[in-house]
C-alpha cells in the first residue's frame, strides 16, 4: 500500500503578524485535511543584511525601515505559545523554518514534528549541523540548488532522519520550469523520502507530483492572494487548498498496488458480459 502523503500547509509569513489571520489559516488547514501547518521564524537583527536594515519601505502600517517591518510581522514567544495551544486544541501539528541559530534554539522549546530548512539555507552548513543534532526530523527544500550543493547538504545531515523536497524557487513558478521528474532522480540518488514544495499557480501539477513518488507535499496558503505580502500570489486560497487535499487523497485511492487483478465489482460484470 502506498504511503499516505504528508501535507504541509505553509502559512509562512502570510499572517502579516496577525494572530487572528493565523488562526483562520490554521482552521482552513485543519478543515482541508492537512497534516501540519508551518511558519517561518527569524531573528530580524541577524537575518536582515546590514545594507537593507535602514532601507525605507511602504507597508500597510505606514512607511518604515525594512528592519522595523520585519520585526512588525515576526511572532515571538507569546504568539507561538498561543499558536501551540491553538493547534493542540484544533488537533493539527505545527512547525517552522528557522532562518538562524537563534530561531532554531527558540523552536527547540516546542514539541514540533520536524524542522524545515528552506532552499535559501541549503548551503548554510552551520545551521544544518545544528539541526542535525536537534533530534528532530529534517525536511530540506532543494530549490535553486546544484546537485553538488545538495550532495554536500545531505552529507552534513545524513546521520539523522531527513527528507528532501524537490522545488523551484520562483514565486510563482512557471509550469515549464517545475521539472517534476527530478522527484524520481532525488529518490534514486539519495535513497530517502522525497516530496514536493510547489510555488506554481495551479493545483494539478502538485497533485501529479504524487504520481511521480512525492510523499510530502508543501504549499503556501493564504486567505486571499491579493493580500499584501511577498508570498501571497504563489499561495493557495481556502477553496483551492480543499481541492488540493481532496485531489491528493483521491489519487492515493486510485493508484493501487500495481498488481493486475479482477476486482470484486468487476466479477459481477464479467459474469454478464464475458463469452
C-alpha atoms as a PDB file:
ATOM      1  CA  UNK A   1       0.000   0.000   0.000  1.00  0.00           C
ATOM      2  CA  UNK A   2       1.317   3.452  -0.930  1.00  0.00           C
ATOM      3  CA  UNK A   3       2.334   5.633   1.998  1.00  0.00           C
ATOM      4  CA  UNK A   4      -0.178   8.354   2.801  1.00  0.00           C
ATOM      5  CA  UNK A   5       1.070  11.709   1.556  1.00  0.00           C
ATOM      6  CA  UNK A   6       2.053  14.089   4.362  1.00  0.00           C
ATOM      7  CA  UNK A   7       0.582  17.507   3.527  1.00  0.00           C
ATOM      8  CA  UNK A   8       2.090  20.705   4.939  1.00  0.00           C
ATOM      9  CA  UNK A   9       0.154  23.968   4.738  1.00  0.00           C
ATOM     10  CA  UNK A  10       2.823  26.680   4.680  1.00  0.00           C
ATOM     11  CA  UNK A  11       1.492  29.759   6.459  1.00  0.00           C
ATOM     12  CA  UNK A  12       4.993  31.219   6.459  1.00  0.00           C
ATOM     13  CA  UNK A  13       4.669  34.972   6.972  1.00  0.00           C
ATOM     14  CA  UNK A  14       1.301  35.258   5.200  1.00  0.00           C
ATOM     15  CA  UNK A  15      -0.243  36.063   8.580  1.00  0.00           C
ATOM     16  CA  UNK A  16       1.378  39.536   8.386  1.00  0.00           C
ATOM     17  CA  UNK A  17       1.889  39.477  12.139  1.00  0.00           C
ATOM     18  CA  UNK A  18      -1.818  38.993  12.907  1.00  0.00           C
ATOM     19  CA  UNK A  19      -2.801  36.115  15.224  1.00  0.00           C
ATOM     20  CA  UNK A  20      -6.434  36.256  14.102  1.00  0.00           C
ATOM     21  CA  UNK A  21      -5.385  35.651  10.497  1.00  0.00           C
ATOM     22  CA  UNK A  22      -3.084  32.903  11.734  1.00  0.00           C
ATOM     23  CA  UNK A  23      -5.917  31.103  13.486  1.00  0.00           C
ATOM     24  CA  UNK A  24      -8.127  31.371  10.400  1.00  0.00           C
ATOM     25  CA  UNK A  25      -5.368  29.780   8.314  1.00  0.00           C
ATOM     26  CA  UNK A  26      -4.893  27.019  10.887  1.00  0.00           C
ATOM     27  CA  UNK A  27      -8.644  26.358  10.789  1.00  0.00           C
ATOM     28  CA  UNK A  28      -8.589  26.160   6.981  1.00  0.00           C
ATOM     29  CA  UNK A  29      -5.675  23.719   7.018  1.00  0.00           C
ATOM     30  CA  UNK A  30      -7.493  21.546   9.533  1.00  0.00           C
ATOM     31  CA  UNK A  31     -10.773  21.566   7.593  1.00  0.00           C
ATOM     32  CA  UNK A  32      -8.949  20.755   4.352  1.00  0.00           C
ATOM     33  CA  UNK A  33      -7.278  17.757   5.970  1.00  0.00           C
ATOM     34  CA  UNK A  34      -3.649  18.900   6.094  1.00  0.00           C
ATOM     35  CA  UNK A  35      -1.279  17.138   8.480  1.00  0.00           C
ATOM     36  CA  UNK A  36       0.512  20.241   9.730  1.00  0.00           C
ATOM     37  CA  UNK A  37       0.915  23.980   9.311  1.00  0.00           C
ATOM     38  CA  UNK A  38       4.298  25.626   9.024  1.00  0.00           C
ATOM     39  CA  UNK A  39       5.663  29.073   9.807  1.00  0.00           C
ATOM     40  CA  UNK A  40       8.952  30.912   9.305  1.00  0.00           C
ATOM     41  CA  UNK A  41      10.976  32.022  12.345  1.00  0.00           C
ATOM     42  CA  UNK A  42      13.633  34.705  12.154  1.00  0.00           C
ATOM     43  CA  UNK A  43      15.692  36.979  14.317  1.00  0.00           C
ATOM     44  CA  UNK A  44      15.489  40.042  12.035  1.00  0.00           C
ATOM     45  CA  UNK A  45      18.543  41.627  13.648  1.00  0.00           C
ATOM     46  CA  UNK A  46      20.569  38.640  12.397  1.00  0.00           C
ATOM     47  CA  UNK A  47      18.765  37.778   9.149  1.00  0.00           C
ATOM     48  CA  UNK A  48      18.354  41.205   7.565  1.00  0.00           C
ATOM     49  CA  UNK A  49      21.565  42.272   5.769  1.00  0.00           C
ATOM     50  CA  UNK A  50      23.140  45.440   7.122  1.00  0.00           C
ATOM     51  CA  UNK A  51      22.706  47.126   3.743  1.00  0.00           C
ATOM     52  CA  UNK A  52      18.933  46.552   3.907  1.00  0.00           C
ATOM     53  CA  UNK A  53      18.161  47.385   7.523  1.00  0.00           C
ATOM     54  CA  UNK A  54      17.683  51.109   7.061  1.00  0.00           C
ATOM     55  CA  UNK A  55      16.055  50.949   3.628  1.00  0.00           C
ATOM     56  CA  UNK A  56      12.633  52.597   3.767  1.00  0.00           C
ATOM     57  CA  UNK A  57       9.587  50.602   2.683  1.00  0.00           C
ATOM     58  CA  UNK A  58       5.904  51.377   2.217  1.00  0.00           C
ATOM     59  CA  UNK A  59       3.791  48.911   4.216  1.00  0.00           C
ATOM     60  CA  UNK A  60       0.145  48.584   5.305  1.00  0.00           C
ATOM     61  CA  UNK A  61       1.290  50.012   8.650  1.00  0.00           C
ATOM     62  CA  UNK A  62       2.937  53.073   7.135  1.00  0.00           C
ATOM     63  CA  UNK A  63       6.402  53.877   5.844  1.00  0.00           C
ATOM     64  CA  UNK A  64       9.145  52.263   7.922  1.00  0.00           C
ATOM     65  CA  UNK A  65      12.613  50.756   7.639  1.00  0.00           C
ATOM     66  CA  UNK A  66      12.895  47.224   6.319  1.00  0.00           C
ATOM     67  CA  UNK A  67      14.211  46.081   9.716  1.00  0.00           C
ATOM     68  CA  UNK A  68      11.220  47.593  11.527  1.00  0.00           C
ATOM     69  CA  UNK A  69       8.895  45.919   9.016  1.00  0.00           C
ATOM     70  CA  UNK A  70      10.489  42.510   9.636  1.00  0.00           C
ATOM     71  CA  UNK A  71      10.106  42.982  13.381  1.00  0.00           C
ATOM     72  CA  UNK A  72       6.493  44.071  12.847  1.00  0.00           C
ATOM     73  CA  UNK A  73       5.455  40.760  11.269  1.00  0.00           C
ATOM     74  CA  UNK A  74       7.647  38.490  13.412  1.00  0.00           C
ATOM     75  CA  UNK A  75       5.996  36.373  16.090  1.00  0.00           C
ATOM     76  CA  UNK A  76       7.674  35.912  19.473  1.00  0.00           C
ATOM     77  CA  UNK A  77       7.159  33.556  22.399  1.00  0.00           C
ATOM     78  CA  UNK A  78       3.761  34.918  23.383  1.00  0.00           C
ATOM     79  CA  UNK A  79       2.388  34.380  19.883  1.00  0.00           C
ATOM     80  CA  UNK A  80       3.969  30.953  19.421  1.00  0.00           C
ATOM     81  CA  UNK A  81       2.674  29.832  22.802  1.00  0.00           C
ATOM     82  CA  UNK A  82      -0.805  30.726  21.560  1.00  0.00           C
ATOM     83  CA  UNK A  83      -0.175  29.014  18.198  1.00  0.00           C
ATOM     84  CA  UNK A  84       0.969  25.908  20.062  1.00  0.00           C
ATOM     85  CA  UNK A  85      -2.113  25.966  22.280  1.00  0.00           C
ATOM     86  CA  UNK A  86      -4.494  26.613  19.403  1.00  0.00           C
ATOM     87  CA  UNK A  87      -3.049  23.869  17.194  1.00  0.00           C
ATOM     88  CA  UNK A  88      -3.389  21.378  20.043  1.00  0.00           C
ATOM     89  CA  UNK A  89      -6.995  22.483  20.524  1.00  0.00           C
ATOM     90  CA  UNK A  90      -7.731  22.077  16.807  1.00  0.00           C
ATOM     91  CA  UNK A  91      -5.857  18.773  16.515  1.00  0.00           C
ATOM     92  CA  UNK A  92      -3.196  19.724  13.967  1.00  0.00           C
ATOM     93  CA  UNK A  93       0.601  19.822  14.295  1.00  0.00           C
ATOM     94  CA  UNK A  94       2.756  22.865  13.579  1.00  0.00           C
ATOM     95  CA  UNK A  95       6.391  23.591  12.837  1.00  0.00           C
ATOM     96  CA  UNK A  96       8.547  26.342  11.376  1.00  0.00           C
ATOM     97  CA  UNK A  97      11.618  27.041   9.277  1.00  0.00           C
ATOM     98  CA  UNK A  98      14.433  28.553  11.379  1.00  0.00           C
ATOM     99  CA  UNK A  99      16.387  31.131   9.407  1.00  0.00           C
ATOM    100  CA  UNK A 100      19.148  31.482  12.003  1.00  0.00           C
ATOM    101  CA  UNK A 101      20.575  29.700  15.040  1.00  0.00           C
ATOM    102  CA  UNK A 102      18.643  31.885  17.497  1.00  0.00           C
ATOM    103  CA  UNK A 103      15.397  30.777  15.823  1.00  0.00           C
ATOM    104  CA  UNK A 104      16.440  27.115  15.847  1.00  0.00           C
ATOM    105  CA  UNK A 105      17.083  27.316  19.582  1.00  0.00           C
ATOM    106  CA  UNK A 106      13.710  29.035  20.032  1.00  0.00           C
ATOM    107  CA  UNK A 107      11.846  26.306  18.131  1.00  0.00           C
ATOM    108  CA  UNK A 108      13.503  23.560  20.154  1.00  0.00           C
ATOM    109  CA  UNK A 109      11.442  24.783  23.099  1.00  0.00           C
ATOM    110  CA  UNK A 110       8.347  23.285  21.435  1.00  0.00           C
ATOM    111  CA  UNK A 111       7.305  19.746  20.561  1.00  0.00           C
ATOM    112  CA  UNK A 112       7.456  20.170  16.788  1.00  0.00           C
ATOM    113  CA  UNK A 113       7.417  17.103  14.486  1.00  0.00           C
ATOM    114  CA  UNK A 114      10.141  18.305  12.107  1.00  0.00           C
ATOM    115  CA  UNK A 115      12.466  21.171  11.245  1.00  0.00           C
ATOM    116  CA  UNK A 116      12.045  22.541   7.727  1.00  0.00           C
ATOM    117  CA  UNK A 117      15.109  24.026   6.035  1.00  0.00           C
ATOM    118  CA  UNK A 118      14.179  26.389   3.172  1.00  0.00           C
ATOM    119  CA  UNK A 119      16.008  26.289  -0.140  1.00  0.00           C
ATOM    120  CA  UNK A 120      17.684  29.599   0.674  1.00  0.00           C
ATOM    121  CA  UNK A 121      19.553  27.981   3.569  1.00  0.00           C
ATOM    122  CA  UNK A 122      20.550  24.675   1.961  1.00  0.00           C
ATOM    123  CA  UNK A 123      24.184  25.867   1.865  1.00  0.00           C
ATOM    124  CA  UNK A 124      24.208  27.125   5.476  1.00  0.00           C
ATOM    125  CA  UNK A 125      26.445  24.373   6.855  1.00  0.00           C
ATOM    126  CA  UNK A 126      26.428  25.756  10.397  1.00  0.00           C
ATOM    127  CA  UNK A 127      22.633  25.754  10.592  1.00  0.00           C
ATOM    128  CA  UNK A 128      22.417  22.274   9.054  1.00  0.00           C
ATOM    129  CA  UNK A 129      24.895  20.869  11.555  1.00  0.00           C
ATOM    130  CA  UNK A 130      22.957  22.316  14.498  1.00  0.00           C
ATOM    131  CA  UNK A 131      19.713  20.954  13.054  1.00  0.00           C
ATOM    132  CA  UNK A 132      21.358  17.565  12.738  1.00  0.00           C
ATOM    133  CA  UNK A 133      21.974  17.468  16.476  1.00  0.00           C
ATOM    134  CA  UNK A 134      18.485  18.699  17.374  1.00  0.00           C
ATOM    135  CA  UNK A 135      16.996  15.206  17.391  1.00  0.00           C
ATOM    136  CA  UNK A 136      14.207  16.372  15.091  1.00  0.00           C
ATOM    137  CA  UNK A 137      13.418  15.143  11.611  1.00  0.00           C
ATOM    138  CA  UNK A 138      14.817  17.483   8.937  1.00  0.00           C
ATOM    139  CA  UNK A 139      12.867  18.329   5.784  1.00  0.00           C
ATOM    140  CA  UNK A 140      15.121  20.108   3.315  1.00  0.00           C
ATOM    141  CA  UNK A 141      13.940  22.003   0.218  1.00  0.00           C
ATOM    142  CA  UNK A 142      16.268  21.846  -2.789  1.00  0.00           C
ATOM    143  CA  UNK A 143      15.147  24.833  -4.881  1.00  0.00           C
ATOM    144  CA  UNK A 144      17.774  26.917  -6.738  1.00  0.00           C
ATOM    145  CA  UNK A 145      20.437  24.331  -5.827  1.00  0.00           C
ATOM    146  CA  UNK A 146      23.000  22.378  -7.806  1.00  0.00           C
ATOM    147  CA  UNK A 147      23.495  18.632  -7.376  1.00  0.00           C
ATOM    148  CA  UNK A 148      26.861  19.270  -5.713  1.00  0.00           C
ATOM    149  CA  UNK A 149      25.227  21.628  -3.205  1.00  0.00           C
ATOM    150  CA  UNK A 150      22.544  19.034  -2.429  1.00  0.00           C
ATOM    151  CA  UNK A 151      25.244  16.362  -2.105  1.00  0.00           C
ATOM    152  CA  UNK A 152      27.060  18.452   0.481  1.00  0.00           C
ATOM    153  CA  UNK A 153      23.885  19.239   2.421  1.00  0.00           C
ATOM    154  CA  UNK A 154      22.901  15.563   2.512  1.00  0.00           C
ATOM    155  CA  UNK A 155      26.403  14.643   3.642  1.00  0.00           C
ATOM    156  CA  UNK A 156      26.011  17.123   6.502  1.00  0.00           C
ATOM    157  CA  UNK A 157      22.672  15.718   7.720  1.00  0.00           C
ATOM    158  CA  UNK A 158      22.928  12.092   6.570  1.00  0.00           C
ATOM    159  CA  UNK A 159      23.157  10.593  10.057  1.00  0.00           C
ATOM    160  CA  UNK A 160      19.721  11.884  11.046  1.00  0.00           C
ATOM    161  CA  UNK A 161      16.154  11.310   9.881  1.00  0.00           C
ATOM    162  CA  UNK A 162      15.668  13.527   6.842  1.00  0.00           C
ATOM    163  CA  UNK A 163      13.643  14.017   3.679  1.00  0.00           C
ATOM    164  CA  UNK A 164      14.229  16.161   0.582  1.00  0.00           C
ATOM    165  CA  UNK A 165      11.686  18.303  -1.232  1.00  0.00           C
ATOM    166  CA  UNK A 166      12.021  18.979  -4.938  1.00  0.00           C
ATOM    167  CA  UNK A 167      11.299  22.665  -5.506  1.00  0.00           C
ATOM    168  CA  UNK A 168      11.574  25.514  -7.974  1.00  0.00           C
ATOM    169  CA  UNK A 169      12.248  28.735  -6.090  1.00  0.00           C
ATOM    170  CA  UNK A 170      10.494  31.115  -8.474  1.00  0.00           C
ATOM    171  CA  UNK A 171       7.450  32.847  -6.970  1.00  0.00           C
ATOM    172  CA  UNK A 172       5.233  31.925  -8.745  1.00  0.00           C
ATOM    173  CA  UNK A 173       6.984  29.135 -10.651  1.00  0.00           C
ATOM    174  CA  UNK A 174       6.155  28.640 -14.367  1.00  0.00           C
ATOM    175  CA  UNK A 175       4.917  25.130 -15.192  1.00  0.00           C
ATOM    176  CA  UNK A 176       7.661  24.646 -17.769  1.00  0.00           C
ATOM    177  CA  UNK A 177      10.275  25.122 -15.032  1.00  0.00           C
ATOM    178  CA  UNK A 178       8.828  22.677 -12.477  1.00  0.00           C
ATOM    179  CA  UNK A 179      10.767  19.636 -13.756  1.00  0.00           C
ATOM    180  CA  UNK A 180       8.751  17.171 -11.660  1.00  0.00           C
ATOM    181  CA  UNK A 181      10.799  14.240 -12.978  1.00  0.00           C
ATOM    182  CA  UNK A 182      13.518  15.369 -10.566  1.00  0.00           C
ATOM    183  CA  UNK A 183      11.490  13.724  -7.794  1.00  0.00           C
ATOM    184  CA  UNK A 184      12.459  10.260  -9.009  1.00  0.00           C
ATOM    185  CA  UNK A 185      16.045  11.380  -9.585  1.00  0.00           C
ATOM    186  CA  UNK A 186      16.333  12.576  -5.987  1.00  0.00           C
ATOM    187  CA  UNK A 187      14.830   9.334  -4.669  1.00  0.00           C
ATOM    188  CA  UNK A 188      17.255   7.257  -6.707  1.00  0.00           C
ATOM    189  CA  UNK A 189      20.310   9.362  -5.913  1.00  0.00           C
ATOM    190  CA  UNK A 190      19.820   9.813  -2.161  1.00  0.00           C
ATOM    191  CA  UNK A 191      17.672   6.788  -1.284  1.00  0.00           C
ATOM    192  CA  UNK A 192      15.497   8.851   1.048  1.00  0.00           C
ATOM    193  CA  UNK A 193      11.920  10.080   1.256  1.00  0.00           C
ATOM    194  CA  UNK A 194      11.281  12.819  -1.312  1.00  0.00           C
ATOM    195  CA  UNK A 195       8.423  15.296  -1.541  1.00  0.00           C
ATOM    196  CA  UNK A 196       7.478  18.400  -3.468  1.00  0.00           C
ATOM    197  CA  UNK A 197       7.266  22.041  -2.414  1.00  0.00           C
ATOM    198  CA  UNK A 198       5.231  23.896  -5.026  1.00  0.00           C
ATOM    199  CA  UNK A 199       5.105  27.599  -5.823  1.00  0.00           C
ATOM    200  CA  UNK A 200       3.071  27.412  -9.037  1.00  0.00           C
ATOM    201  CA  UNK A 201      -0.381  28.939  -9.531  1.00  0.00           C
ATOM    202  CA  UNK A 202      -2.257  25.727 -10.268  1.00  0.00           C
ATOM    203  CA  UNK A 203      -3.071  22.572  -8.335  1.00  0.00           C
ATOM    204  CA  UNK A 204      -2.836  19.804 -10.948  1.00  0.00           C
ATOM    205  CA  UNK A 205       0.954  19.801 -11.099  1.00  0.00           C
ATOM    206  CA  UNK A 206       1.216  19.440  -7.327  1.00  0.00           C
ATOM    207  CA  UNK A 207      -1.254  16.542  -7.365  1.00  0.00           C
ATOM    208  CA  UNK A 208       0.687  14.972 -10.251  1.00  0.00           C
ATOM    209  CA  UNK A 209       3.869  15.001  -8.168  1.00  0.00           C
ATOM    210  CA  UNK A 210       2.323  12.259  -6.020  1.00  0.00           C
ATOM    211  CA  UNK A 211       2.199  10.010  -9.125  1.00  0.00           C
ATOM    212  CA  UNK A 212       5.936  10.590  -9.502  1.00  0.00           C
ATOM    213  CA  UNK A 213       6.701   9.456  -5.966  1.00  0.00           C
ATOM    214  CA  UNK A 214       6.307  12.540  -3.772  1.00  0.00           C
ATOM    215  CA  UNK A 215       5.177  11.530  -0.284  1.00  0.00           C
ATOM    216  CA  UNK A 216       5.376  15.004   1.284  1.00  0.00           C
ATOM    217  CA  UNK A 217       3.558  17.990  -0.215  1.00  0.00           C
ATOM    218  CA  UNK A 218       4.063  21.595   0.866  1.00  0.00           C
ATOM    219  CA  UNK A 219       2.111  24.580  -0.475  1.00  0.00           C
ATOM    220  CA  UNK A 220       1.831  28.141   0.805  1.00  0.00           C
ATOM    221  CA  UNK A 221      -1.681  29.086   1.907  1.00  0.00           C
ATOM    222  CA  UNK A 222      -3.446  32.442   2.208  1.00  0.00           C
ATOM    223  CA  UNK A 223      -6.883  33.849   2.852  1.00  0.00           C
ATOM    224  CA  UNK A 224      -6.656  35.972  -0.293  1.00  0.00           C
ATOM    225  CA  UNK A 225      -3.943  36.125  -2.962  1.00  0.00           C
ATOM    226  CA  UNK A 226      -4.404  39.894  -3.264  1.00  0.00           C
ATOM    227  CA  UNK A 227      -3.357  40.405   0.372  1.00  0.00           C
ATOM    228  CA  UNK A 228      -0.198  42.472   0.882  1.00  0.00           C
ATOM    229  CA  UNK A 229       2.953  40.361   1.142  1.00  0.00           C
ATOM    230  CA  UNK A 230       5.669  38.731  -0.957  1.00  0.00           C
ATOM    231  CA  UNK A 231       4.365  35.140  -0.786  1.00  0.00           C
ATOM    232  CA  UNK A 232       0.648  35.754  -1.226  1.00  0.00           C
ATOM    233  CA  UNK A 233       0.458  35.442  -5.032  1.00  0.00           C
ATOM    234  CA  UNK A 234       2.050  31.964  -5.101  1.00  0.00           C
ATOM    235  CA  UNK A 235      -0.200  30.726  -2.290  1.00  0.00           C
ATOM    236  CA  UNK A 236      -3.352  28.595  -2.351  1.00  0.00           C
ATOM    237  CA  UNK A 237      -6.633  30.118  -1.182  1.00  0.00           C
ATOM    238  CA  UNK A 238      -9.072  28.174   1.078  1.00  0.00           C
ATOM    239  CA  UNK A 239     -11.176  26.522  -1.629  1.00  0.00           C
ATOM    240  CA  UNK A 240      -8.042  25.681  -3.561  1.00  0.00           C
ATOM    241  CA  UNK A 241      -6.484  24.016  -0.525  1.00  0.00           C
ATOM    242  CA  UNK A 242      -9.587  21.885  -0.012  1.00  0.00           C
ATOM    243  CA  UNK A 243      -9.487  20.847  -3.685  1.00  0.00           C
ATOM    244  CA  UNK A 244      -5.755  20.128  -3.476  1.00  0.00           C
ATOM    245  CA  UNK A 245      -6.003  17.825  -0.454  1.00  0.00           C
ATOM    246  CA  UNK A 246      -9.082  16.087  -1.865  1.00  0.00           C
ATOM    247  CA  UNK A 247      -7.300  15.573  -5.190  1.00  0.00           C
ATOM    248  CA  UNK A 248      -4.267  14.041  -3.479  1.00  0.00           C
ATOM    249  CA  UNK A 249      -6.403  11.694  -1.370  1.00  0.00           C
ATOM    250  CA  UNK A 250      -8.464  10.634  -4.404  1.00  0.00           C
ATOM    251  CA  UNK A 251      -5.264   9.935  -6.320  1.00  0.00           C
ATOM    252  CA  UNK A 252      -3.883   7.851  -3.457  1.00  0.00           C
ATOM    253  CA  UNK A 253      -7.035   5.705  -3.574  1.00  0.00           C
ATOM    254  CA  UNK A 254      -6.787   5.366  -7.362  1.00  0.00           C
ATOM    255  CA  UNK A 255      -3.099   4.442  -7.623  1.00  0.00           C
ATOM    256  CA  UNK A 256      -3.493   0.989  -6.069  1.00  0.00           C
ATOM    257  CA  UNK A 257      -0.695  -1.551  -5.695  1.00  0.00           C
ATOM    258  CA  UNK A 258       0.146  -2.113  -9.377  1.00  0.00           C
ATOM    259  CA  UNK A 259      -0.949  -5.770  -9.305  1.00  0.00           C
ATOM    260  CA  UNK A 260      -3.297  -6.551 -12.207  1.00  0.00           C
ATOM    261  CA  UNK A 261      -6.306  -8.449 -10.874  1.00  0.00           C
ATOM    262  CA  UNK A 262     -10.063  -8.658 -11.299  1.00  0.00           C
ATOM    263  CA  UNK A 263     -11.854  -6.621  -8.643  1.00  0.00           C
ATOM    264  CA  UNK A 264     -14.896  -7.924  -6.796  1.00  0.00           C
ATOM    265  CA  UNK A 265     -17.187  -5.475  -8.607  1.00  0.00           C
ATOM    266  CA  UNK A 266     -15.668  -6.459 -11.952  1.00  0.00           C
ATOM    267  CA  UNK A 267     -16.501 -10.117 -11.337  1.00  0.00           C
ATOM    268  CA  UNK A 268     -20.215  -9.342 -11.476  1.00  0.00           C
ATOM    269  CA  UNK A 269     -19.832  -7.541 -14.815  1.00  0.00           C
ATOM    270  CA  UNK A 270     -17.543 -10.302 -16.107  1.00  0.00           C
ATOM    271  CA  UNK A 271     -20.196 -12.926 -15.475  1.00  0.00           C
ATOM    272  CA  UNK A 272     -22.690 -10.909 -17.515  1.00  0.00           C
ATOM    273  CA  UNK A 273     -20.541  -9.870 -20.454  1.00  0.00           C
ATOM    274  CA  UNK A 274     -17.732 -12.385 -20.992  1.00  0.00           C
ATOM    275  CA  UNK A 275     -18.294 -15.086 -23.597  1.00  0.00           C
END
